[in-house]
């Protein structure tokens, strides 16, 4: 009797294991179709009251992992390009992990699918294979910045509808900064006699030296850069400050002033009479003493 009961239990367990996928389907937990094409549609636009669409932005998709159905479960297997990246797709994916993956992609020269946004900032990647994709901006139009790379699972399970979504939609965060004008002006604090014919000014930001320009009387000792990125930290520096001069810097927004002060500044008073007057004074004192001496001796007699 016990032996028959054991056989019955084993048979029930086998039947349950075999039928688990159909049961999940009945309960609304369908497995995704690994052969069904997927797509990702994105719209790139600035945040805030005045919306601007990033037209002509180049966005690249890199396939990081493939989507597979195994044992009634969805699994993601890293592609050959990312097999040694050591990224785990099982737990929570952080922005730090994504940034490391972007760096890995650049260092290993991995290629992806690149497309450009239209005039409305829209871009569609269709006919894609199931999997996990890294989304990154290859280039952005003038004034747009701060595109944050992200990862997208296709398809993904929508808990609200209890369905697998094969056509994803995303609106990446992106910022727009109107181009600005950067100016530099040279001011001289001297008598003009030892002033050089020109000076070199270096414009830099956090990425390094942007450009070096020459200031002279022909350009009125000033220069202007147009259509510059407002999100950059601009600064100026004078190269090879002339001897006997000290350079000081001042700024107001994106307008810079470099003042060269001579270390031998003239005050406007002529200096040559000073030694003459000292000598004349000494002479008069001595002469006065000599004049008084004979009279003093005569009084003493």
Protein backbone atom coordinates (compact mmCIF):
# COMPACT_ATOMS: atom_id res chain seq x y z
CA UNK A 1 0.00 0.00 0.00
CA UNK A 2 2.79 2.41 0.95
CA UNK A 3 4.68 1.54 -2.23
CA UNK A 4 1.63 2.41 -4.38
CA UNK A 5 1.20 5.68 -2.51
CA UNK A 6 4.83 6.65 -3.17
CA UNK A 7 4.48 5.88 -6.87
CA UNK A 8 1.34 8.03 -6.99
CA UNK A 9 3.13 10.98 -5.35
CA UNK A 10 6.07 10.70 -7.74
CA UNK A 11 3.67 10.63 -10.71
CA UNK A 12 1.90 13.75 -9.45
CA UNK A 13 5.20 15.62 -9.03
CA UNK A 14 6.32 14.72 -12.55
CA UNK A 15 2.98 15.80 -13.97
CA UNK A 16 3.18 19.08 -12.09
CA UNK A 17 6.71 19.77 -13.32
CA UNK A 18 5.76 19.05 -16.91
CA UNK A 19 2.68 21.24 -16.78
CA UNK A 20 4.17 24.22 -14.88
CA UNK A 21 4.59 26.36 -18.01
CA UNK A 22 1.02 25.87 -19.24
CA UNK A 23 -0.22 26.53 -15.70
CA UNK A 24 1.77 29.79 -15.59
CA UNK A 25 0.24 30.73 -18.94
CA UNK A 26 -3.25 30.17 -17.60
CA UNK A 27 -2.48 32.30 -14.56
CA UNK A 28 -1.27 35.13 -16.78
CA UNK A 29 2.48 34.51 -16.54
CA UNK A 30 3.18 33.89 -20.23
CA UNK A 31 6.75 33.35 -21.29
CA UNK A 32 8.00 35.86 -23.88
CA UNK A 33 8.50 34.80 -27.47
CA UNK A 34 12.30 34.81 -27.96
CA UNK A 35 11.91 34.91 -31.73
CA UNK A 36 9.59 37.90 -31.89
CA UNK A 37 11.29 41.14 -33.05
CA UNK A 38 11.39 44.03 -30.59
CA UNK A 39 11.80 47.80 -30.96
CA UNK A 40 12.77 50.87 -28.97
CA UNK A 41 11.41 54.35 -29.70
CA UNK A 42 12.99 57.40 -28.05
CA UNK A 43 12.31 61.12 -28.03
CA UNK A 44 15.12 63.45 -27.03
CA UNK A 45 13.93 66.77 -25.70
CA UNK A 46 15.06 69.24 -23.05
CA UNK A 47 13.41 69.54 -19.66
CA UNK A 48 11.71 72.67 -18.35
CA UNK A 49 9.15 75.17 -19.59
CA UNK A 50 10.76 75.81 -22.97
CA UNK A 51 11.04 72.40 -24.65
CA UNK A 52 13.68 71.96 -27.34
CA UNK A 53 14.01 68.82 -29.43
CA UNK A 54 17.45 67.37 -30.11
CA UNK A 55 17.44 67.07 -33.89
CA UNK A 56 20.32 65.15 -35.45
CA UNK A 57 21.50 63.47 -32.26
CA UNK A 58 23.37 60.19 -32.81
CA UNK A 59 22.25 57.40 -30.48
CA UNK A 60 23.87 53.98 -30.38
CA UNK A 61 22.47 50.67 -29.10
CA UNK A 62 24.82 47.93 -27.92
CA UNK A 63 23.45 44.43 -27.34
CA UNK A 64 24.77 43.35 -23.96
CA UNK A 65 22.82 40.11 -23.45
CA UNK A 66 20.46 37.77 -25.23
CA UNK A 67 17.04 36.77 -23.87
CA UNK A 68 16.49 33.00 -23.52
CA UNK A 69 13.77 30.72 -22.14
CA UNK A 70 15.15 27.88 -20.06
CA UNK A 71 13.31 25.65 -17.62
CA UNK A 72 10.22 27.80 -17.73
CA UNK A 73 12.18 30.91 -16.77
CA UNK A 74 13.55 33.96 -18.57
CA UNK A 75 17.34 34.15 -18.54
CA UNK A 76 19.77 36.71 -19.94
CA UNK A 77 23.10 35.53 -21.31
CA UNK A 78 25.90 38.01 -21.98
CA UNK A 79 26.96 38.28 -25.60
CA UNK A 80 30.50 37.44 -26.66
CA UNK A 81 31.54 41.11 -26.65
CA UNK A 82 30.50 41.50 -23.02
CA UNK A 83 31.30 38.03 -21.70
CA UNK A 84 34.32 39.31 -19.75
CA UNK A 85 32.65 42.50 -18.50
CA UNK A 86 31.59 40.72 -15.27
CA UNK A 87 28.29 42.62 -15.17
CA UNK A 88 25.43 40.83 -13.44
CA UNK A 89 21.91 41.23 -14.82
CA UNK A 90 20.24 39.26 -12.03
CA UNK A 91 20.13 41.93 -9.31
CA UNK A 92 19.66 45.69 -9.24
CA UNK A 93 21.46 47.58 -11.99
CA UNK A 94 22.97 50.84 -10.76
CA UNK A 95 24.13 53.87 -12.72
CA UNK A 96 27.68 53.12 -11.61
CA UNK A 97 27.44 49.69 -13.26
CA UNK A 98 26.14 51.29 -16.46
CA UNK A 99 28.97 53.85 -16.48
CA UNK A 100 31.49 51.02 -16.08
CA UNK A 101 29.83 49.22 -18.98
CA UNK A 102 30.12 52.34 -21.16
CA UNK A 103 33.82 52.52 -20.31
CA UNK A 104 34.23 48.82 -21.10
CA UNK A 105 32.48 49.34 -24.45
CA UNK A 106 34.82 52.20 -25.38
CA UNK A 107 37.98 50.39 -24.27
CA UNK A 108 37.11 47.25 -26.25
CA UNK A 109 35.95 49.08 -29.37
CA UNK A 110 32.57 47.36 -29.40
CA UNK A 111 30.32 48.45 -32.26
CA UNK A 112 26.57 48.90 -32.10
CA UNK A 113 23.60 50.19 -34.07
CA UNK A 114 23.67 53.97 -34.58
CA UNK A 115 20.82 56.15 -35.79
CA UNK A 116 19.99 59.87 -35.84
CA UNK A 117 16.97 61.63 -34.39
CA UNK A 118 14.58 63.46 -36.71
CA UNK A 119 13.49 67.11 -36.46
CA UNK A 120 11.21 66.19 -33.57
CA UNK A 121 14.00 64.51 -31.64
CA UNK A 122 12.49 61.08 -32.37
CA UNK A 123 14.37 57.92 -33.22
CA UNK A 124 13.16 54.33 -33.76
CA UNK A 125 15.23 51.18 -33.49
CA UNK A 126 13.06 48.41 -34.91
CA UNK A 127 13.60 44.82 -36.00
CA UNK A 128 15.82 44.16 -33.00
CA UNK A 129 16.51 40.79 -31.42
CA UNK A 130 15.33 40.03 -27.88
CA UNK A 131 17.86 41.01 -25.26
CA UNK A 132 19.34 43.70 -23.04
CA UNK A 133 20.64 46.86 -24.69
CA UNK A 134 22.99 49.61 -23.57
CA UNK A 135 21.82 52.99 -24.87
CA UNK A 136 24.39 55.75 -25.26
CA UNK A 137 24.71 59.08 -27.11
CA UNK A 138 27.47 59.11 -29.72
CA UNK A 139 27.03 62.83 -30.40
CA UNK A 140 24.55 65.57 -29.52
CA UNK A 141 23.61 68.75 -31.41
CA UNK A 142 24.94 72.13 -30.28
CA UNK A 143 23.63 73.18 -26.91
CA UNK A 144 22.44 69.75 -25.76
CA UNK A 145 24.25 67.84 -23.05
CA UNK A 146 23.85 65.62 -19.98
CA UNK A 147 22.59 62.51 -21.79
CA UNK A 148 22.74 59.75 -19.17
CA UNK A 149 23.42 56.25 -20.61
CA UNK A 150 20.90 53.58 -19.61
CA UNK A 151 20.03 49.92 -20.14
CA UNK A 152 16.79 48.63 -21.63
CA UNK A 153 15.33 45.11 -21.46
CA UNK A 154 13.42 43.99 -24.56
CA UNK A 155 10.93 42.57 -24.05
CA UNK A 156 10.07 43.48 -20.47
CA UNK A 157 7.20 42.36 -18.25
CA UNK A 158 4.61 45.05 -17.48
CA UNK A 159 3.22 44.31 -14.03
CA UNK A 160 0.23 46.62 -14.57
CA UNK A 161 -1.02 44.74 -17.62
CA UNK A 162 0.64 41.39 -16.79
CA UNK A 163 1.94 41.28 -20.35
CA UNK A 164 5.30 41.26 -22.06
CA UNK A 165 6.07 44.50 -23.90
CA UNK A 166 8.00 44.06 -27.15
CA UNK A 167 7.96 47.70 -28.29
CA UNK A 168 9.64 49.89 -25.72
CA UNK A 169 9.32 53.68 -25.40
CA UNK A 170 11.82 55.92 -23.60
CA UNK A 171 12.42 59.64 -23.04
CA UNK A 172 16.02 60.00 -21.84
CA UNK A 173 16.81 62.99 -19.64
CA UNK A 174 18.71 65.62 -21.58
CA UNK A 175 19.59 69.27 -20.95
CA UNK A 176 19.83 72.24 -23.28
CA UNK A 177 22.06 75.27 -22.72
CA UNK A 178 21.79 78.17 -25.17
CA UNK A 179 25.19 78.96 -26.71
CA UNK A 180 27.03 81.84 -25.02
CA UNK A 181 29.65 84.40 -25.98
CA UNK A 182 33.00 84.30 -24.16
CA UNK A 183 35.17 87.42 -24.25
CA UNK A 184 38.61 88.37 -22.99
CA UNK A 185 40.06 91.88 -22.73
CA UNK A 186 43.59 93.01 -21.94
CA UNK A 187 44.02 96.10 -19.74
CA UNK A 188 47.39 97.81 -19.25
CA UNK A 189 48.43 99.61 -16.09
CA UNK A 190 51.72 101.20 -17.15
CA UNK A 191 53.26 104.18 -18.92
CA UNK A 192 53.18 102.37 -22.27
CA UNK A 193 56.93 102.57 -22.81
CA UNK A 194 57.87 98.93 -22.11
CA UNK A 195 54.60 97.40 -23.30
CA UNK A 196 55.03 94.40 -25.68
CA UNK A 197 53.49 94.38 -29.14
CA UNK A 198 51.25 91.42 -28.30
CA UNK A 199 50.38 88.84 -25.64
CA UNK A 200 49.01 85.29 -25.79
CA UNK A 201 45.83 84.30 -23.95
CA UNK A 202 44.82 80.69 -23.37
CA UNK A 203 41.14 79.72 -23.07
CA UNK A 204 40.44 76.49 -21.18
CA UNK A 205 37.69 74.44 -19.60
CA UNK A 206 37.55 71.23 -17.57
CA UNK A 207 38.43 69.24 -20.70
CA UNK A 208 41.70 71.13 -21.25
CA UNK A 209 42.94 73.97 -23.45
CA UNK A 210 40.34 75.05 -26.00
CA UNK A 211 42.31 77.68 -27.94
CA UNK A 212 45.19 80.14 -27.66
CA UNK A 213 44.77 83.61 -29.21
CA UNK A 214 46.99 86.67 -29.69
CA UNK A 215 45.91 90.08 -28.43
CA UNK A 216 47.42 93.29 -29.80
CA UNK A 217 46.51 96.82 -30.79
CA UNK A 218 45.11 95.57 -34.11
CA UNK A 219 42.25 93.75 -32.33
CA UNK A 220 42.05 96.41 -29.61
CA UNK A 221 43.54 93.96 -27.10
CA UNK A 222 40.40 91.82 -26.96
CA UNK A 223 38.89 88.66 -28.45
CA UNK A 224 35.45 87.06 -28.65
CA UNK A 225 34.38 83.42 -28.97
CA UNK A 226 30.80 82.77 -30.13
CA UNK A 227 28.50 79.74 -29.85
CA UNK A 228 30.30 78.41 -26.79
CA UNK A 229 28.86 75.81 -24.44
CA UNK A 230 27.36 77.40 -21.34
CA UNK A 231 27.71 74.22 -19.27
CA UNK A 232 31.50 74.38 -19.44
CA UNK A 233 33.71 76.03 -16.80
CA UNK A 234 35.66 78.53 -18.89
CA UNK A 235 38.83 80.28 -17.70
CA UNK A 236 41.64 82.33 -19.25
CA UNK A 237 45.37 82.51 -18.61
CA UNK A 238 48.10 84.70 -20.06
CA UNK A 239 51.04 82.78 -21.50
CA UNK A 240 54.56 84.13 -20.92
CA UNK A 241 53.70 87.27 -18.96
CA UNK A 242 56.14 90.04 -20.03
CA UNK A 243 59.06 90.78 -17.72
CA UNK A 244 58.43 93.46 -15.09
CA UNK A 245 54.68 92.90 -15.35
CA UNK A 246 52.21 91.17 -13.08
CA UNK A 247 48.99 89.66 -14.49
CA UNK A 248 45.75 89.69 -12.52
CA UNK A 249 42.39 88.24 -13.55
CA UNK A 250 38.77 89.29 -13.14
CA UNK A 251 35.54 87.90 -14.59
CA UNK A 252 31.84 88.61 -14.83
CA UNK A 253 29.88 85.68 -16.21
CA UNK A 254 31.66 84.73 -19.42
CA UNK A 255 33.52 88.06 -19.76
CA UNK A 256 37.16 87.97 -18.64
CA UNK A 257 39.62 90.81 -18.03
CA UNK A 258 43.37 90.35 -17.76
CA UNK A 259 45.23 93.34 -16.29
CA UNK A 260 48.98 93.68 -16.71
CA UNK A 261 50.49 96.01 -14.13
CA UNK A 262 54.04 97.26 -14.55
CA UNK A 263 56.25 96.68 -11.54
CA UNK A 264 57.96 100.03 -12.37
CA UNK A 265 54.88 102.24 -12.57
CA UNK A 266 55.57 105.98 -12.92
CA UNK A 267 53.60 108.27 -10.60
CA UNK A 268 53.84 111.35 -12.87
CA UNK A 269 56.46 113.14 -10.70
CA UNK A 270 59.86 113.79 -12.30
CA UNK A 271 62.50 111.97 -10.29
CA UNK A 272 65.71 113.64 -11.55
CA UNK A 273 65.51 116.80 -9.29
CA UNK A 274 65.63 114.72 -6.12
CA UNK A 275 69.40 114.04 -6.02
CA UNK A 276 70.09 117.59 -7.24
CA UNK A 277 68.02 119.07 -4.45
CA UNK A 278 69.68 116.84 -1.89
CA UNK A 279 73.10 117.94 -3.08
CA UNK A 280 72.05 121.61 -3.13
CA UNK A 281 70.68 121.36 0.36
CA UNK A 282 73.84 119.79 1.68
CA UNK A 283 75.90 122.49 -0.05
CA UNK A 284 73.87 125.29 1.49
CA UNK A 285 74.16 123.80 4.97
CA UNK A 286 77.91 123.49 4.65
CA UNK A 287 78.16 127.02 3.25
CA UNK A 288 76.15 128.39 6.13
CA UNK A 289 78.41 126.69 8.63
CA UNK A 290 81.51 128.09 6.97
CA UNK A 291 80.05 131.63 6.96
CA UNK A 292 79.21 131.53 10.64
CA UNK A 293 82.57 130.20 11.78
CA UNK A 294 84.65 133.41 11.23
CA UNK A 295 82.04 135.52 13.02
CA UNK A 296 81.99 133.15 15.97
CA UNK A 297 85.77 133.26 16.30
CA UNK A 298 85.76 137.06 16.20
CA UNK A 299 83.24 137.23 19.03
CA UNK A 300 85.32 134.85 21.09
CA UNK A 301 88.39 137.11 20.70
